[in-house]
């Protein structure tokens, strides 16, 4: 067998192993999915609202020509999205880099 065929066989075996493992562990409930989406939502909402509240406080204490509320709301949104992106990519890597797949 060539190297390409060997790599293909390993990839198919790893995917089959993951499917069998998921079937053995059982299906996740709808509540699990809702909990995960809620966790991601909160990881975006908390920094966004925190930035907005800090901006409101800053605008109240030091009024000026620029709106700190909008600026810090946007900064909080970017931080929250980066946080969610990092968490989802970390979970995806953990799901695909299972040590048991290396043996297959």
N, C-alpha and C. Protein backbone atom coordinates (compact mmCIF):
# COMPACT_ATOMS: atom_id res chain seq x y z
N UNK A 1 0.84 -1.19 0.00
CA UNK A 1 0.00 0.00 0.00
C UNK A 1 0.88 1.24 0.00
N UNK A 2 0.42 2.26 -0.67
CA UNK A 2 1.18 3.51 -0.72
C UNK A 2 0.92 4.32 0.55
N UNK A 3 1.69 5.37 0.72
CA UNK A 3 1.53 6.23 1.89
C UNK A 3 0.17 6.90 1.92
N UNK A 4 -0.33 7.31 0.74
CA UNK A 4 -1.64 7.96 0.68
C UNK A 4 -2.75 7.00 1.11
N UNK A 5 -2.65 5.75 0.66
CA UNK A 5 -3.67 4.77 1.04
C UNK A 5 -3.60 4.47 2.53
N UNK A 6 -2.39 4.41 3.07
CA UNK A 6 -2.22 4.14 4.50
C UNK A 6 -2.80 5.27 5.33
N UNK A 7 -2.55 6.52 4.94
CA UNK A 7 -3.12 7.67 5.65
C UNK A 7 -4.64 7.65 5.59
N UNK A 8 -5.17 7.30 4.42
CA UNK A 8 -6.62 7.25 4.25
C UNK A 8 -7.21 6.18 5.16
N UNK A 9 -6.57 5.02 5.22
CA UNK A 9 -7.06 3.93 6.08
C UNK A 9 -7.04 4.36 7.54
N UNK A 10 -5.98 5.06 7.96
CA UNK A 10 -5.91 5.54 9.35
C UNK A 10 -7.01 6.54 9.65
N UNK A 11 -7.28 7.46 8.71
CA UNK A 11 -8.33 8.45 8.94
C UNK A 11 -9.69 7.79 9.05
N UNK A 12 -9.96 6.82 8.17
CA UNK A 12 -11.24 6.12 8.22
C UNK A 12 -11.37 5.33 9.52
N UNK A 13 -10.31 4.68 9.94
CA UNK A 13 -10.34 3.91 11.19
C UNK A 13 -10.56 4.83 12.38
N UNK A 14 -9.93 6.00 12.39
CA UNK A 14 -10.11 6.94 13.49
C UNK A 14 -11.54 7.45 13.56
N UNK A 15 -12.12 7.78 12.40
CA UNK A 15 -13.51 8.25 12.38
C UNK A 15 -14.47 7.15 12.82
N UNK A 16 -14.22 5.93 12.38
CA UNK A 16 -15.07 4.81 12.79
C UNK A 16 -14.96 4.58 14.29
N UNK A 17 -13.76 4.69 14.82
CA UNK A 17 -13.56 4.53 16.25
C UNK A 17 -14.30 5.60 17.04
N UNK A 18 -14.25 6.86 16.57
CA UNK A 18 -14.98 7.94 17.25
C UNK A 18 -16.48 7.70 17.21
N UNK A 19 -16.98 7.22 16.07
CA UNK A 19 -18.42 6.96 15.98
C UNK A 19 -18.84 5.85 16.92
N UNK A 20 -18.06 4.78 16.97
CA UNK A 20 -18.38 3.68 17.88
C UNK A 20 -18.32 4.13 19.33
N UNK A 21 -17.33 4.93 19.67
CA UNK A 21 -17.21 5.43 21.03
C UNK A 21 -18.41 6.30 21.40
N UNK A 22 -18.85 7.16 20.46
CA UNK A 22 -20.01 8.02 20.72
C UNK A 22 -21.28 7.20 20.88
N UNK A 23 -21.41 6.14 20.09
CA UNK A 23 -22.59 5.28 20.22
C UNK A 23 -22.59 4.54 21.55
N UNK A 24 -21.42 4.11 22.01
CA UNK A 24 -21.33 3.39 23.27
C UNK A 24 -21.62 4.31 24.45
N UNK A 25 -21.21 5.57 24.35
CA UNK A 25 -21.43 6.51 25.45
C UNK A 25 -22.87 6.98 25.51
N UNK A 26 -23.60 6.79 24.44
CA UNK A 26 -25.01 7.19 24.42
C UNK A 26 -25.17 8.58 23.85
N UNK A 27 -26.40 8.87 23.48
CA UNK A 27 -26.69 10.17 22.89
C UNK A 27 -26.77 11.24 23.97
N UNK A 28 -26.35 12.44 23.59
CA UNK A 28 -26.48 13.59 24.49
C UNK A 28 -27.92 14.10 24.39
N UNK A 29 -28.44 14.56 25.48
CA UNK A 29 -29.82 15.05 25.48
C UNK A 29 -29.89 16.45 24.88
N UNK A 30 -31.11 16.87 24.63
CA UNK A 30 -31.34 18.22 24.12
C UNK A 30 -30.86 19.25 25.14
N UNK A 31 -31.02 18.91 26.41
CA UNK A 31 -30.61 19.84 27.47
C UNK A 31 -29.10 20.07 27.45
N UNK A 32 -28.34 19.04 27.09
CA UNK A 32 -26.89 19.20 26.98
C UNK A 32 -26.54 20.23 25.90
N UNK A 33 -27.19 20.13 24.76
CA UNK A 33 -26.96 21.09 23.66
C UNK A 33 -27.37 22.49 24.05
N UNK A 34 -28.51 22.61 24.72
CA UNK A 34 -28.96 23.93 25.16
C UNK A 34 -28.00 24.51 26.20
N UNK A 35 -27.49 23.65 27.06
CA UNK A 35 -26.53 24.11 28.06
C UNK A 35 -25.24 24.62 27.42
N UNK A 36 -24.78 23.91 26.40
CA UNK A 36 -23.56 24.34 25.71
C UNK A 36 -23.77 25.66 24.98
N UNK A 37 -24.90 25.80 24.30
CA UNK A 37 -25.16 27.06 23.61
C UNK A 37 -25.35 28.20 24.61
N UNK A 38 -25.93 27.89 25.76
CA UNK A 38 -26.07 28.90 26.81
C UNK A 38 -24.73 29.33 27.36
N UNK A 39 -23.83 28.37 27.52
CA UNK A 39 -22.49 28.68 28.00
C UNK A 39 -21.75 29.61 27.04
N UNK A 40 -21.87 29.32 25.76
CA UNK A 40 -21.23 30.17 24.76
C UNK A 40 -21.88 31.55 24.75
N UNK A 41 -23.20 31.60 24.87
CA UNK A 41 -23.90 32.88 24.91
C UNK A 41 -23.46 33.73 26.10
N UNK A 42 -23.35 33.11 27.26
CA UNK A 42 -22.92 33.86 28.44
C UNK A 42 -21.48 34.33 28.30
N UNK A 43 -20.63 33.54 27.64
CA UNK A 43 -19.23 33.96 27.49
C UNK A 43 -19.11 35.18 26.59
N UNK A 44 -20.12 35.45 25.77
CA UNK A 44 -20.15 36.67 24.95
C UNK A 44 -20.89 37.78 25.69
N UNK A 45 -21.99 37.44 26.34
CA UNK A 45 -22.85 38.46 26.96
C UNK A 45 -22.20 39.14 28.15
N UNK A 46 -21.50 38.38 28.99
CA UNK A 46 -20.93 38.97 30.21
C UNK A 46 -19.89 40.06 29.90
N UNK A 47 -18.89 39.80 29.04
CA UNK A 47 -17.95 40.89 28.74
C UNK A 47 -18.60 42.08 28.02
N UNK A 48 -19.60 41.79 27.17
CA UNK A 48 -20.29 42.87 26.47
C UNK A 48 -21.04 43.77 27.45
N UNK A 49 -21.80 43.16 28.33
CA UNK A 49 -22.53 43.95 29.33
C UNK A 49 -21.59 44.64 30.31
N UNK A 50 -20.51 43.96 30.66
CA UNK A 50 -19.51 44.58 31.54
C UNK A 50 -18.90 45.82 30.91
N UNK A 51 -18.57 45.73 29.62
CA UNK A 51 -18.03 46.88 28.92
C UNK A 51 -19.04 48.02 28.84
N UNK A 52 -20.31 47.68 28.59
CA UNK A 52 -21.35 48.71 28.52
C UNK A 52 -21.54 49.40 29.87
N UNK A 53 -21.55 48.62 30.95
CA UNK A 53 -21.73 49.22 32.28
C UNK A 53 -20.53 50.08 32.66
N UNK A 54 -19.33 49.62 32.36
CA UNK A 54 -18.15 50.42 32.64
C UNK A 54 -18.17 51.72 31.82
N UNK A 55 -18.61 51.61 30.56
CA UNK A 55 -18.72 52.80 29.72
C UNK A 55 -19.76 53.78 30.24
N UNK A 56 -20.91 53.27 30.70
CA UNK A 56 -21.92 54.15 31.28
C UNK A 56 -21.38 54.88 32.51
N UNK A 57 -20.68 54.13 33.35
CA UNK A 57 -20.10 54.73 34.55
C UNK A 57 -19.08 55.81 34.16
N UNK A 58 -18.23 55.51 33.19
CA UNK A 58 -17.19 56.45 32.76
C UNK A 58 -17.83 57.70 32.13
N UNK A 59 -18.87 57.51 31.30
CA UNK A 59 -19.55 58.65 30.69
C UNK A 59 -20.23 59.52 31.75
N UNK A 60 -20.76 58.89 32.77
CA UNK A 60 -21.43 59.65 33.84
C UNK A 60 -20.42 60.46 34.65
N UNK A 61 -19.27 59.88 34.92
CA UNK A 61 -18.23 60.55 35.72
C UNK A 61 -17.45 61.60 34.93
N UNK A 62 -17.19 61.31 33.65
CA UNK A 62 -16.36 62.19 32.82
C UNK A 62 -17.03 62.41 31.46
N UNK A 63 -18.04 63.27 31.41
CA UNK A 63 -18.73 63.49 30.12
C UNK A 63 -17.77 64.12 29.11
N UNK A 64 -17.93 63.74 27.87
CA UNK A 64 -17.06 64.26 26.81
C UNK A 64 -17.74 64.14 25.46
N UNK A 65 -16.96 64.39 24.44
CA UNK A 65 -17.49 64.37 23.07
C UNK A 65 -17.70 62.95 22.56
N UNK A 66 -16.95 61.99 23.10
CA UNK A 66 -17.03 60.61 22.62
C UNK A 66 -17.80 59.75 23.62
N UNK A 67 -18.49 58.75 23.10
CA UNK A 67 -19.26 57.85 23.95
C UNK A 67 -18.40 56.66 24.36
N UNK A 68 -18.02 56.65 25.62
CA UNK A 68 -17.27 55.52 26.14
C UNK A 68 -18.15 54.28 26.23
N UNK A 69 -19.45 54.49 26.37
CA UNK A 69 -20.37 53.37 26.45
C UNK A 69 -20.31 52.54 25.18
N UNK A 70 -20.41 53.19 24.04
CA UNK A 70 -20.36 52.47 22.76
C UNK A 70 -18.99 51.84 22.53
N UNK A 71 -17.94 52.58 22.86
CA UNK A 71 -16.60 52.07 22.63
C UNK A 71 -16.33 50.83 23.49
N UNK A 72 -16.66 50.91 24.77
CA UNK A 72 -16.39 49.78 25.66
C UNK A 72 -17.36 48.62 25.42
N UNK A 73 -18.56 48.92 24.94
CA UNK A 73 -19.48 47.87 24.55
C UNK A 73 -18.88 47.07 23.39
N UNK A 74 -18.32 47.77 22.40
CA UNK A 74 -17.70 47.10 21.27
C UNK A 74 -16.47 46.30 21.70
N UNK A 75 -15.68 46.86 22.60
CA UNK A 75 -14.50 46.14 23.10
C UNK A 75 -14.94 44.88 23.85
N UNK A 76 -15.96 44.99 24.68
CA UNK A 76 -16.48 43.83 25.40
C UNK A 76 -17.01 42.77 24.45
N UNK A 77 -17.67 43.20 23.38
CA UNK A 77 -18.18 42.25 22.40
C UNK A 77 -17.04 41.51 21.71
N UNK A 78 -16.00 42.22 21.34
CA UNK A 78 -14.84 41.59 20.70
C UNK A 78 -14.18 40.60 21.66
N UNK A 79 -14.01 40.99 22.91
CA UNK A 79 -13.41 40.10 23.91
C UNK A 79 -14.29 38.87 24.12
N UNK A 80 -15.60 39.06 24.20
CA UNK A 80 -16.51 37.94 24.38
C UNK A 80 -16.50 36.99 23.20
N UNK A 81 -16.48 37.52 21.99
CA UNK A 81 -16.43 36.67 20.79
C UNK A 81 -15.11 35.91 20.73
N UNK A 82 -14.00 36.57 21.08
CA UNK A 82 -12.70 35.89 21.10
C UNK A 82 -12.71 34.78 22.15
N UNK A 83 -13.32 35.04 23.29
CA UNK A 83 -13.43 34.04 24.34
C UNK A 83 -14.23 32.83 23.86
N UNK A 84 -15.37 33.08 23.23
CA UNK A 84 -16.20 31.99 22.72
C UNK A 84 -15.47 31.22 21.63
N UNK A 85 -14.80 31.93 20.74
CA UNK A 85 -14.04 31.29 19.66
C UNK A 85 -12.97 30.37 20.25
N UNK A 86 -12.26 30.86 21.24
CA UNK A 86 -11.21 30.08 21.87
C UNK A 86 -11.78 28.83 22.53
N UNK A 87 -12.90 28.97 23.24
CA UNK A 87 -13.50 27.85 23.93
C UNK A 87 -13.99 26.79 22.94
N UNK A 88 -14.65 27.23 21.87
CA UNK A 88 -15.18 26.29 20.88
C UNK A 88 -14.03 25.58 20.16
N UNK A 89 -12.98 26.31 19.79
CA UNK A 89 -11.85 25.66 19.11
C UNK A 89 -11.14 24.69 20.05
N UNK A 90 -11.06 25.01 21.33
CA UNK A 90 -10.45 24.12 22.30
C UNK A 90 -11.26 22.83 22.42
N UNK A 91 -12.59 22.95 22.46
CA UNK A 91 -13.45 21.77 22.52
C UNK A 91 -13.35 20.94 21.24
N UNK A 92 -13.26 21.62 20.10
CA UNK A 92 -13.13 20.92 18.82
C UNK A 92 -11.81 20.15 18.76
N UNK A 93 -10.73 20.78 19.21
CA UNK A 93 -9.43 20.10 19.23
C UNK A 93 -9.45 18.91 20.17
N UNK A 94 -10.09 19.05 21.32
CA UNK A 94 -10.17 17.95 22.27
C UNK A 94 -10.98 16.79 21.69
N UNK A 95 -11.99 17.12 20.91
CA UNK A 95 -12.83 16.09 20.32
C UNK A 95 -12.10 15.33 19.21
N UNK A 96 -11.30 16.05 18.43
CA UNK A 96 -10.62 15.42 17.30
C UNK A 96 -9.24 14.88 17.63
N UNK A 97 -8.65 15.29 18.71
CA UNK A 97 -7.30 14.83 19.08
C UNK A 97 -7.37 13.86 20.25
N UNK A 98 -8.33 12.97 20.22
CA UNK A 98 -8.49 11.98 21.27
C UNK A 98 -7.29 11.04 21.27
N UNK A 99 -6.64 10.80 22.41
CA UNK A 99 -5.46 9.94 22.44
C UNK A 99 -5.74 8.53 21.97
N UNK A 100 -6.98 8.04 22.13
CA UNK A 100 -7.31 6.70 21.68
C UNK A 100 -7.27 6.58 20.16
N UNK A 101 -7.44 7.73 19.44
CA UNK A 101 -7.40 7.70 17.99
C UNK A 101 -5.99 7.47 17.47
N UNK A 102 -4.99 7.80 18.25
CA UNK A 102 -3.60 7.63 17.81
C UNK A 102 -3.25 6.16 17.65
N UNK A 103 -3.93 5.29 18.41
CA UNK A 103 -3.64 3.86 18.35
C UNK A 103 -4.23 3.23 17.09
N UNK A 104 -5.28 3.83 16.54
CA UNK A 104 -5.96 3.23 15.39
C UNK A 104 -5.16 3.31 14.12
